[in-house]
N, C-alpha and C. Protein backbone atom coordinates (compact mmCIF):
# COMPACT_ATOMS: atom_id res chain seq x y z
N MET A 1 31.78 -17.72 -1.56
CA MET A 1 32.15 -18.93 -0.87
C MET A 1 32.98 -18.55 0.36
N PRO A 2 32.66 -19.12 1.51
CA PRO A 2 33.42 -18.77 2.71
C PRO A 2 34.85 -19.26 2.65
N LYS A 3 35.70 -18.54 3.34
CA LYS A 3 37.11 -18.92 3.38
C LYS A 3 37.30 -20.09 4.34
N PRO A 4 38.20 -21.00 4.01
CA PRO A 4 38.47 -22.09 4.94
C PRO A 4 39.24 -21.58 6.16
N GLY A 5 39.11 -22.28 7.23
CA GLY A 5 39.83 -21.90 8.44
C GLY A 5 38.90 -21.40 9.50
N PRO A 6 39.46 -20.95 10.61
CA PRO A 6 38.62 -20.48 11.72
C PRO A 6 37.88 -19.20 11.36
N ARG A 7 36.68 -19.09 11.86
CA ARG A 7 35.84 -17.94 11.60
C ARG A 7 36.26 -16.78 12.51
N THR A 8 36.25 -15.58 11.96
CA THR A 8 36.61 -14.40 12.74
C THR A 8 35.38 -13.93 13.51
N THR A 9 35.54 -13.77 14.80
CA THR A 9 34.46 -13.30 15.64
C THR A 9 34.85 -11.94 16.20
N TYR A 10 33.98 -10.96 15.99
CA TYR A 10 34.25 -9.61 16.47
C TYR A 10 33.55 -9.42 17.81
N ARG A 11 34.21 -8.74 18.71
CA ARG A 11 33.63 -8.40 20.02
C ARG A 11 33.44 -6.89 20.06
N TYR A 12 32.23 -6.48 20.28
CA TYR A 12 31.92 -5.06 20.35
C TYR A 12 31.68 -4.68 21.80
N SER A 13 32.10 -3.48 22.15
CA SER A 13 31.90 -3.01 23.53
C SER A 13 30.43 -2.67 23.73
N ASN A 14 30.02 -2.64 24.99
CA ASN A 14 28.64 -2.29 25.30
C ASN A 14 28.34 -0.85 24.91
N GLU A 15 29.34 0.01 25.00
CA GLU A 15 29.15 1.41 24.59
C GLU A 15 28.89 1.51 23.08
N PHE A 16 29.63 0.73 22.30
CA PHE A 16 29.43 0.71 20.84
C PHE A 16 28.02 0.22 20.52
N LYS A 17 27.60 -0.85 21.20
CA LYS A 17 26.26 -1.41 20.96
C LYS A 17 25.19 -0.40 21.34
N ALA A 18 25.37 0.27 22.48
CA ALA A 18 24.38 1.24 22.93
C ALA A 18 24.29 2.43 21.97
N THR A 19 25.44 2.86 21.47
CA THR A 19 25.45 3.97 20.50
C THR A 19 24.76 3.55 19.21
N ALA A 20 25.01 2.34 18.78
CA ALA A 20 24.36 1.84 17.56
C ALA A 20 22.85 1.77 17.74
N VAL A 21 22.42 1.32 18.90
CA VAL A 21 20.98 1.25 19.19
C VAL A 21 20.37 2.64 19.19
N ARG A 22 21.04 3.59 19.83
CA ARG A 22 20.53 4.96 19.87
C ARG A 22 20.43 5.57 18.46
N LEU A 23 21.43 5.30 17.64
CA LEU A 23 21.40 5.80 16.26
C LEU A 23 20.24 5.20 15.48
N SER A 24 19.98 3.92 15.70
CA SER A 24 18.91 3.25 14.95
C SER A 24 17.53 3.68 15.42
N GLU A 25 17.44 4.28 16.59
CA GLU A 25 16.15 4.73 17.12
C GLU A 25 15.79 6.15 16.66
N LEU A 26 16.69 6.81 15.97
CA LEU A 26 16.40 8.16 15.49
C LEU A 26 15.29 8.13 14.45
N PRO A 27 14.40 9.12 14.47
CA PRO A 27 13.33 9.14 13.45
C PRO A 27 13.90 9.45 12.07
N GLY A 28 13.42 8.73 11.09
CA GLY A 28 13.86 8.94 9.71
C GLY A 28 15.14 8.22 9.35
N VAL A 29 15.62 7.34 10.23
CA VAL A 29 16.85 6.60 9.98
C VAL A 29 16.51 5.12 9.94
N ALA A 30 16.97 4.43 8.90
CA ALA A 30 16.69 3.00 8.76
C ALA A 30 17.77 2.18 9.45
N ILE A 31 17.36 1.03 9.95
CA ILE A 31 18.30 0.14 10.64
C ILE A 31 19.41 -0.30 9.70
N LYS A 32 19.04 -0.62 8.45
CA LYS A 32 20.06 -1.10 7.52
C LYS A 32 21.09 -0.03 7.19
N ASP A 33 20.68 1.24 7.20
CA ASP A 33 21.63 2.33 6.96
C ASP A 33 22.61 2.48 8.12
N VAL A 34 22.09 2.37 9.34
CA VAL A 34 22.97 2.44 10.51
C VAL A 34 23.93 1.27 10.51
N ALA A 35 23.40 0.08 10.23
CA ALA A 35 24.25 -1.12 10.21
C ALA A 35 25.34 -1.00 9.14
N ALA A 36 24.98 -0.50 7.98
CA ALA A 36 25.97 -0.35 6.91
C ALA A 36 27.04 0.67 7.28
N SER A 37 26.64 1.76 7.92
CA SER A 37 27.62 2.79 8.29
C SER A 37 28.55 2.31 9.40
N LEU A 38 28.08 1.36 10.23
CA LEU A 38 28.91 0.83 11.31
C LEU A 38 29.60 -0.48 10.94
N CYS A 39 29.37 -0.95 9.72
CA CYS A 39 29.96 -2.20 9.22
C CYS A 39 29.57 -3.40 10.09
N VAL A 40 28.30 -3.46 10.46
CA VAL A 40 27.76 -4.63 11.15
C VAL A 40 26.56 -5.13 10.36
N HIS A 41 26.20 -6.37 10.57
CA HIS A 41 25.04 -6.94 9.87
C HIS A 41 23.76 -6.38 10.50
N PRO A 42 22.75 -6.09 9.67
CA PRO A 42 21.50 -5.55 10.22
C PRO A 42 20.86 -6.48 11.26
N PHE A 43 21.03 -7.78 11.10
CA PHE A 43 20.48 -8.72 12.09
C PHE A 43 21.14 -8.50 13.45
N MET A 44 22.44 -8.25 13.44
CA MET A 44 23.16 -8.02 14.70
C MET A 44 22.63 -6.76 15.38
N LEU A 45 22.39 -5.73 14.60
CA LEU A 45 21.85 -4.49 15.17
C LEU A 45 20.45 -4.72 15.72
N SER A 46 19.65 -5.50 15.01
CA SER A 46 18.31 -5.82 15.51
C SER A 46 18.37 -6.60 16.81
N LEU A 47 19.34 -7.49 16.91
CA LEU A 47 19.53 -8.25 18.14
C LEU A 47 19.92 -7.33 19.29
N TRP A 48 20.79 -6.37 19.01
CA TRP A 48 21.18 -5.40 20.04
C TRP A 48 19.98 -4.56 20.47
N ARG A 49 19.14 -4.20 19.52
CA ARG A 49 17.94 -3.42 19.85
C ARG A 49 17.01 -4.23 20.76
N LYS A 50 16.87 -5.51 20.47
CA LYS A 50 16.04 -6.38 21.30
C LYS A 50 16.61 -6.47 22.71
N ARG A 51 17.92 -6.63 22.81
CA ARG A 51 18.56 -6.72 24.12
C ARG A 51 18.43 -5.40 24.88
N ALA A 52 18.43 -4.29 24.17
CA ALA A 52 18.25 -2.99 24.82
C ALA A 52 16.82 -2.87 25.36
N ARG A 53 15.85 -3.36 24.61
CA ARG A 53 14.46 -3.34 25.09
C ARG A 53 14.30 -4.22 26.33
N GLU A 54 15.05 -5.32 26.37
CA GLU A 54 14.99 -6.23 27.52
C GLU A 54 15.79 -5.71 28.70
N GLY A 55 16.60 -4.67 28.50
CA GLY A 55 17.38 -4.09 29.57
C GLY A 55 18.77 -4.68 29.71
N LEU A 56 19.18 -5.53 28.78
CA LEU A 56 20.51 -6.13 28.84
C LEU A 56 21.60 -5.17 28.36
N ILE A 57 21.23 -4.24 27.50
CA ILE A 57 22.16 -3.20 27.04
C ILE A 57 21.57 -1.87 27.50
N VAL A 58 22.35 -1.11 28.23
CA VAL A 58 21.88 0.17 28.78
C VAL A 58 22.19 1.27 27.78
N THR A 59 21.12 1.94 27.31
CA THR A 59 21.30 3.01 26.33
C THR A 59 21.12 4.39 26.94
N LYS A 60 20.70 4.46 28.18
CA LYS A 60 20.52 5.77 28.82
C LYS A 60 21.89 6.37 29.10
N GLY A 61 21.99 7.65 28.88
CA GLY A 61 23.24 8.34 29.11
C GLY A 61 24.17 8.34 27.90
N ILE A 62 23.78 7.63 26.86
CA ILE A 62 24.57 7.61 25.62
C ILE A 62 24.07 8.73 24.74
N SER A 63 24.94 9.66 24.41
CA SER A 63 24.54 10.77 23.55
C SER A 63 24.95 10.47 22.11
N VAL A 64 24.12 10.92 21.21
CA VAL A 64 24.36 10.72 19.78
C VAL A 64 24.83 12.04 19.19
N ASP A 65 25.91 11.99 18.45
CA ASP A 65 26.44 13.18 17.81
C ASP A 65 25.44 13.65 16.76
N LYS A 66 25.09 14.92 16.80
CA LYS A 66 24.09 15.46 15.87
C LYS A 66 24.57 15.41 14.42
N ASP A 67 25.87 15.54 14.20
CA ASP A 67 26.40 15.45 12.84
C ASP A 67 26.22 14.06 12.27
N VAL A 68 26.43 13.05 13.09
CA VAL A 68 26.26 11.66 12.64
C VAL A 68 24.79 11.40 12.32
N ALA A 69 23.90 11.88 13.17
CA ALA A 69 22.48 11.70 12.93
C ALA A 69 22.05 12.40 11.64
N ALA A 70 22.54 13.60 11.43
CA ALA A 70 22.20 14.34 10.21
C ALA A 70 22.74 13.63 8.98
N GLU A 71 23.94 13.07 9.10
CA GLU A 71 24.54 12.36 7.97
C GLU A 71 23.75 11.11 7.62
N LEU A 72 23.28 10.38 8.63
CA LEU A 72 22.47 9.19 8.37
C LEU A 72 21.14 9.55 7.71
N LYS A 73 20.53 10.64 8.16
CA LYS A 73 19.28 11.07 7.53
C LYS A 73 19.52 11.49 6.09
N GLU A 74 20.61 12.19 5.85
CA GLU A 74 20.94 12.61 4.48
C GLU A 74 21.22 11.40 3.60
N LEU A 75 21.90 10.40 4.15
CA LEU A 75 22.15 9.17 3.41
C LEU A 75 20.84 8.51 3.00
N ARG A 76 19.91 8.46 3.90
CA ARG A 76 18.59 7.87 3.62
C ARG A 76 17.89 8.64 2.49
N ARG A 77 17.94 9.97 2.56
CA ARG A 77 17.29 10.80 1.54
C ARG A 77 17.94 10.59 0.17
N VAL A 78 19.27 10.55 0.15
CA VAL A 78 20.00 10.37 -1.11
C VAL A 78 19.71 9.00 -1.72
N LYS A 79 19.64 7.97 -0.87
CA LYS A 79 19.34 6.63 -1.38
C LYS A 79 17.94 6.58 -1.99
N LYS A 80 16.98 7.22 -1.35
CA LYS A 80 15.62 7.25 -1.90
C LYS A 80 15.60 7.97 -3.25
N ALA A 81 16.30 9.09 -3.33
CA ALA A 81 16.35 9.84 -4.59
C ALA A 81 17.03 9.03 -5.68
N TYR A 82 18.08 8.30 -5.31
CA TYR A 82 18.80 7.47 -6.28
C TYR A 82 17.90 6.36 -6.81
N GLU A 83 17.14 5.71 -5.93
CA GLU A 83 16.22 4.65 -6.37
C GLU A 83 15.16 5.22 -7.31
N GLN A 84 14.66 6.41 -7.01
CA GLN A 84 13.66 7.05 -7.87
C GLN A 84 14.27 7.36 -9.24
N LEU A 85 15.49 7.85 -9.26
CA LEU A 85 16.15 8.15 -10.53
C LEU A 85 16.40 6.88 -11.35
N LYS A 86 16.74 5.78 -10.69
CA LYS A 86 16.93 4.52 -11.40
C LYS A 86 15.63 4.06 -12.07
N ILE A 87 14.52 4.20 -11.37
CA ILE A 87 13.22 3.82 -11.93
C ILE A 87 12.90 4.70 -13.13
N GLU A 88 13.10 6.00 -12.99
CA GLU A 88 12.83 6.92 -14.09
C GLU A 88 13.73 6.62 -15.29
N HIS A 89 14.98 6.31 -15.05
CA HIS A 89 15.93 6.00 -16.12
C HIS A 89 15.50 4.74 -16.87
N ASP A 90 15.10 3.71 -16.15
CA ASP A 90 14.64 2.47 -16.80
C ASP A 90 13.38 2.73 -17.63
N LEU A 91 12.49 3.55 -17.10
CA LEU A 91 11.27 3.88 -17.83
C LEU A 91 11.59 4.64 -19.12
N LEU A 92 12.52 5.57 -19.04
CA LEU A 92 12.90 6.33 -20.24
C LEU A 92 13.58 5.43 -21.28
N LYS A 93 14.39 4.49 -20.82
CA LYS A 93 15.02 3.56 -21.76
C LYS A 93 13.96 2.73 -22.48
N LYS A 94 12.94 2.27 -21.74
CA LYS A 94 11.87 1.50 -22.36
C LYS A 94 11.09 2.36 -23.36
N ALA A 95 10.87 3.61 -23.02
CA ALA A 95 10.14 4.51 -23.92
C ALA A 95 10.93 4.75 -25.21
N ILE A 96 12.24 4.89 -25.10
CA ILE A 96 13.07 5.10 -26.29
C ILE A 96 13.02 3.88 -27.19
N VAL A 97 13.12 2.70 -26.61
CA VAL A 97 13.06 1.47 -27.40
C VAL A 97 11.70 1.35 -28.07
N PHE A 98 10.64 1.65 -27.33
CA PHE A 98 9.29 1.54 -27.88
C PHE A 98 9.10 2.49 -29.06
N THR A 99 9.51 3.74 -28.90
CA THR A 99 9.30 4.71 -29.99
C THR A 99 10.19 4.41 -31.19
N SER A 100 11.41 3.94 -30.95
CA SER A 100 12.28 3.62 -32.09
C SER A 100 11.77 2.41 -32.85
N GLU A 101 11.21 1.41 -32.17
CA GLU A 101 10.61 0.27 -32.86
C GLU A 101 9.38 0.70 -33.64
N ARG A 102 8.61 1.59 -33.07
CA ARG A 102 7.39 2.06 -33.74
C ARG A 102 7.75 2.85 -35.00
N LYS A 103 8.78 3.69 -34.92
CA LYS A 103 9.21 4.44 -36.10
C LYS A 103 9.74 3.51 -37.18
N ALA A 104 10.47 2.49 -36.77
CA ALA A 104 11.02 1.55 -37.75
C ALA A 104 9.90 0.80 -38.45
N LYS A 105 8.87 0.39 -37.75
CA LYS A 105 7.74 -0.32 -38.35
C LYS A 105 6.97 0.60 -39.29
N SER A 106 6.72 1.83 -38.87
CA SER A 106 5.93 2.74 -39.70
C SER A 106 6.72 3.15 -40.94
N SER A 107 8.02 3.28 -40.87
CA SER A 107 8.80 3.67 -42.04
C SER A 107 8.88 2.52 -43.04
N ARG A 108 8.90 1.28 -42.58
CA ARG A 108 8.91 0.13 -43.50
C ARG A 108 7.59 0.03 -44.26
N THR A 109 6.49 0.23 -43.59
CA THR A 109 5.19 0.11 -44.26
C THR A 109 4.98 1.28 -45.23
N SER A 110 5.45 2.45 -44.90
CA SER A 110 5.24 3.59 -45.80
C SER A 110 6.12 3.43 -47.04
N LYS A 111 7.31 2.85 -46.92
CA LYS A 111 8.16 2.61 -48.09
C LYS A 111 7.52 1.57 -49.01
N ALA A 112 6.93 0.53 -48.42
CA ALA A 112 6.29 -0.51 -49.22
C ALA A 112 5.08 0.05 -49.94
N ASP A 113 4.32 0.94 -49.29
CA ASP A 113 3.15 1.54 -49.94
C ASP A 113 3.56 2.44 -51.09
N LYS A 114 4.66 3.16 -50.94
CA LYS A 114 5.13 4.05 -52.00
C LYS A 114 5.61 3.25 -53.20
N GLU A 115 6.24 2.11 -52.97
CA GLU A 115 6.74 1.29 -54.08
C GLU A 115 5.58 0.63 -54.83
N ASN A 116 4.49 0.29 -54.17
CA ASN A 116 3.35 -0.38 -54.84
C ASN A 116 2.44 0.58 -55.57
N THR A 117 2.51 1.85 -55.28
CA THR A 117 1.62 2.80 -55.97
C THR A 117 2.23 3.16 -57.33
N PRO A 118 1.38 3.18 -58.41
CA PRO A 118 1.90 3.52 -59.76
C PRO A 118 2.10 4.97 -59.97
């Protein structure tokens, strides 16, 4: 729920916007990752990218730190690996439940068969 009172509006410099646009244009880097690392909404970054395409934000001459670019790429790789591990973990949990239910059913029927045999 939003807080009552006046809304806080942030003003970003053109250099900050241009740097954000340059970072988001790197190959292998997602817009949402750049936005999250800069604490801005992905829509805002997309709007800045649009303005840069229109020529309203000048991105030429803005250099991107190679360490920052490498960190963003690594973040993307780690997030993908984490999502894959979550899927595998859920699948293993389902397999454990399935096999334990199957063992419980088979052990009940085998006990009943042993009791009915003379």
